[in-house]
Amino acid sequence: MLCKRCNKQEAKIHFAKIINNQTTEFHLCEACAQQMNIMGENHEFHLENLITGLQDQPEGAAVETTGLACPVCGQTSGTFKRTGRLGCPRCYTTFHDELIPLLRKIHGSAHHTGKSPARAKPAAASVRARDIKRLRRDLREAISQEDYERAAEIRDEIKRIEVELKTEEGANRS
């Protein structure tokens, strides 16, 4: 397969960009990948440049900063946007509001759900535990928005699922 940029050399770098279920595939030769600053001269892959390219800013535009800086390592919002790298674990909390849209763009979700084998059926208890976790998150959100009716409905649903789980545990012990 030829490089989709120069149409001369064999493509050796292949990756896909998926946004809103629209997949765009990239097939580049090493020279074009270096020109686009995706791969260095020593054939090392520059993931930060790929991540930076996914952020909502035109190429060559000035990096807009929010004035945020990590209290632990001093990393700034502008540095993160420019490099695509965080400085320390605290940066994940500091730059949370900037990371969520980026994670949604990359993964389609901001929450890691994990994977299980396709042929394996999820255990009912683990599905219910995951439901409770989601409901508790929804409960916190409803309370923060002062939607107390919705919060009460969610609370009741959590209690119902917890009772079901305890009933099943008792039946399994017998």
Protein backbone atom coordinates (compact mmCIF):
# COMPACT_ATOMS: atom_id res chain seq x y z
CA MET A 1 0.00 0.00 0.00
CA LEU A 2 1.34 3.43 -0.94
CA CYS A 3 1.52 6.40 1.39
CA LYS A 4 -1.74 8.37 1.15
CA ARG A 5 0.16 11.66 1.48
CA CYS A 6 2.94 11.41 -1.11
CA ASN A 7 1.68 8.40 -3.12
CA LYS A 8 5.31 7.37 -3.75
CA GLN A 9 6.67 5.23 -0.92
CA GLU A 10 5.27 2.21 0.88
CA ALA A 11 3.08 3.11 3.88
CA LYS A 12 4.55 1.76 7.12
CA ILE A 13 2.61 3.78 9.69
CA HIS A 14 -1.09 2.94 9.91
CA PHE A 15 -3.61 4.42 12.33
CA ALA A 16 -7.28 5.33 12.42
CA LYS A 17 -9.05 8.38 13.78
CA ILE A 18 -12.64 7.75 14.89
CA ILE A 19 -14.89 10.73 15.60
CA ASN A 20 -18.67 10.34 15.95
CA ASN A 21 -18.48 6.82 14.52
CA GLN A 22 -16.73 8.17 11.40
CA THR A 23 -13.44 6.37 10.82
CA THR A 24 -10.61 8.02 8.92
CA GLU A 25 -7.64 5.79 8.22
CA PHE A 26 -4.12 7.13 7.77
CA HIS A 27 -1.43 5.22 5.89
CA LEU A 28 1.89 7.06 5.82
CA CYS A 29 5.46 6.35 4.79
CA GLU A 30 8.19 7.05 7.33
CA ALA A 31 9.24 10.30 5.61
CA CYS A 32 5.72 11.76 5.66
CA ALA A 33 5.22 10.66 9.28
CA GLN A 34 8.43 12.53 10.17
CA GLN A 35 7.32 15.62 8.24
CA MET A 36 4.01 15.57 10.13
CA ASN A 37 6.02 15.17 13.37
CA ILE A 38 4.27 11.89 14.22
CA MET A 39 7.48 9.88 14.10
CA GLY A 40 11.04 10.94 14.92
CA GLU A 41 14.21 10.30 12.96
CA ASN A 42 15.11 7.34 15.18
CA HIS A 43 11.75 5.70 14.34
CA GLU A 44 10.25 6.53 17.71
CA PHE A 45 6.52 7.22 17.65
CA HIS A 46 5.44 10.62 19.03
CA LEU A 47 2.13 9.84 20.73
CA GLU A 48 1.94 13.35 22.21
CA ASN A 49 1.80 14.86 18.72
CA LEU A 50 -1.03 12.54 17.78
CA ILE A 51 -2.93 13.46 20.97
CA THR A 52 -2.27 17.17 20.43
CA GLY A 53 -3.72 16.81 16.95
CA LEU A 54 -6.98 15.51 18.40
CA GLN A 55 -7.54 18.58 20.53
CA ASP A 56 -9.91 21.24 19.21
CA GLN A 57 -7.46 23.79 17.90
CA PRO A 58 -6.34 24.58 14.37
CA GLU A 59 -2.79 23.66 13.46
CA GLY A 60 -0.39 26.53 14.06
CA ALA A 61 -2.90 28.39 16.24
CA ALA A 62 -1.76 29.96 19.47
CA VAL A 63 -2.35 27.66 22.42
CA GLU A 64 -5.20 29.01 24.52
CA THR A 65 -4.53 28.65 28.20
CA THR A 66 -6.98 28.60 31.09
CA GLY A 67 -4.42 29.78 33.61
CA LEU A 68 -4.51 26.41 35.36
CA ALA A 69 -1.32 25.01 36.77
CA CYS A 70 -0.79 21.77 38.69
CA PRO A 71 0.02 22.58 42.33
CA VAL A 72 2.39 19.59 42.57
CA CYS A 73 4.53 19.66 39.42
CA GLY A 74 3.74 23.12 38.03
CA GLN A 75 2.53 21.79 34.66
CA THR A 76 0.37 24.42 32.93
CA SER A 77 -2.68 24.02 30.74
CA GLY A 78 -0.76 25.44 27.78
CA THR A 79 2.07 22.92 28.21
CA PHE A 80 -0.42 20.06 28.34
CA LYS A 81 -2.18 21.28 25.17
CA ARG A 82 1.14 21.76 23.40
CA THR A 83 2.76 18.44 24.37
CA GLY A 84 -0.22 16.16 25.04
CA ARG A 85 1.50 14.94 28.22
CA LEU A 86 0.74 15.38 31.89
CA GLY A 87 3.45 15.95 34.49
CA CYS A 88 2.22 13.95 37.49
CA PRO A 89 -0.79 12.03 38.84
CA ARG A 90 -2.29 15.24 40.33
CA CYS A 91 -2.48 16.71 36.80
CA TYR A 92 -5.39 14.33 36.08
CA THR A 93 -7.42 16.11 38.78
CA THR A 94 -6.18 19.59 37.91
CA PHE A 95 -6.92 19.28 34.19
CA HIS A 96 -10.05 17.12 34.59
CA ASP A 97 -12.30 19.52 32.65
CA GLU A 98 -9.90 19.53 29.70
CA LEU A 99 -9.29 15.77 29.76
CA ILE A 100 -12.95 14.67 29.67
CA PRO A 101 -13.73 16.00 26.15
CA LEU A 102 -10.41 14.62 24.90
CA LEU A 103 -11.13 11.16 26.37
CA ARG A 104 -14.62 11.21 24.84
CA LYS A 105 -13.10 12.09 21.48
CA ILE A 106 -10.50 9.31 21.67
CA HIS A 107 -12.51 6.52 23.33
CA GLY A 108 -16.11 7.58 22.81
CA SER A 109 -16.58 7.69 26.59
CA ALA A 110 -14.95 9.28 29.59
CA HIS A 111 -15.42 6.17 31.76
CA HIS A 112 -13.41 2.99 31.47
CA THR A 113 -15.74 0.00 31.32
CA GLY A 114 -13.17 -2.71 30.72
CA LYS A 115 -13.54 -5.70 28.47
CA SER A 116 -14.74 -9.25 28.86
CA PRO A 117 -14.51 -12.09 26.39
CA ALA A 118 -17.35 -11.89 23.87
CA ARG A 119 -18.42 -15.46 24.55
CA ALA A 120 -18.53 -14.99 28.33
CA LYS A 121 -21.82 -13.98 29.87
CA PRO A 122 -21.39 -11.32 32.53
CA ALA A 123 -22.30 -12.52 35.99
CA ALA A 124 -25.59 -11.03 37.15
CA ALA A 125 -23.99 -9.80 40.38
CA SER A 126 -21.24 -7.91 38.55
CA VAL A 127 -23.79 -6.33 36.21
CA ARG A 128 -25.88 -5.21 39.18
CA ALA A 129 -22.79 -3.91 41.00
CA ARG A 130 -21.91 -1.89 37.89
CA ASP A 131 -25.52 -0.60 37.80
CA ILE A 132 -25.29 0.48 41.44
CA LYS A 133 -22.04 2.32 40.74
CA ARG A 134 -23.63 4.13 37.79
CA LEU A 135 -26.74 4.94 39.83
CA ARG A 136 -24.67 6.37 42.69
CA ARG A 137 -22.90 8.62 40.22
CA ASP A 138 -26.31 9.69 38.84
CA LEU A 139 -27.52 10.27 42.42
CA ARG A 140 -24.60 12.61 43.17
CA GLU A 141 -25.31 14.50 39.95
CA ALA A 142 -29.05 14.80 40.72
CA ILE A 143 -28.28 16.11 44.21
CA SER A 144 -25.75 18.64 42.89
CA GLN A 145 -28.40 19.87 40.44
CA GLU A 146 -30.92 19.99 43.30
CA ASP A 147 -33.24 17.59 41.44
CA TYR A 148 -34.43 15.92 44.62
CA GLU A 149 -37.34 14.04 43.02
CA ARG A 150 -34.96 12.31 40.61
CA ALA A 151 -32.50 11.73 43.48
CA ALA A 152 -35.22 9.98 45.50
CA GLU A 153 -36.09 7.74 42.52
CA ILE A 154 -32.43 6.81 42.07
CA ARG A 155 -32.03 6.15 45.82
CA ASP A 156 -35.03 3.80 45.74
CA GLU A 157 -33.64 1.98 42.69
CA ILE A 158 -30.28 1.50 44.45
CA LYS A 159 -32.05 0.06 47.52
CA ARG A 160 -34.11 -2.29 45.33
CA ILE A 161 -31.01 -3.65 43.58
CA GLU A 162 -29.13 -4.03 46.88
CA VAL A 163 -32.04 -6.04 48.35
CA GLU A 164 -32.05 -8.29 45.26
CA LEU A 165 -28.31 -8.88 45.63
CA LYS A 166 -28.66 -9.78 49.33
CA THR A 167 -31.55 -12.13 48.55
CA GLU A 168 -29.50 -13.89 45.85
CA GLU A 169 -26.48 -14.17 48.18
CA GLY A 170 -28.68 -15.79 50.85
CA ALA A 171 -30.15 -18.23 48.31
CA ASN A 172 -26.67 -19.16 47.05
CA ARG A 173 -25.46 -19.95 50.60
CA SER A 174 -28.32 -22.37 51.26
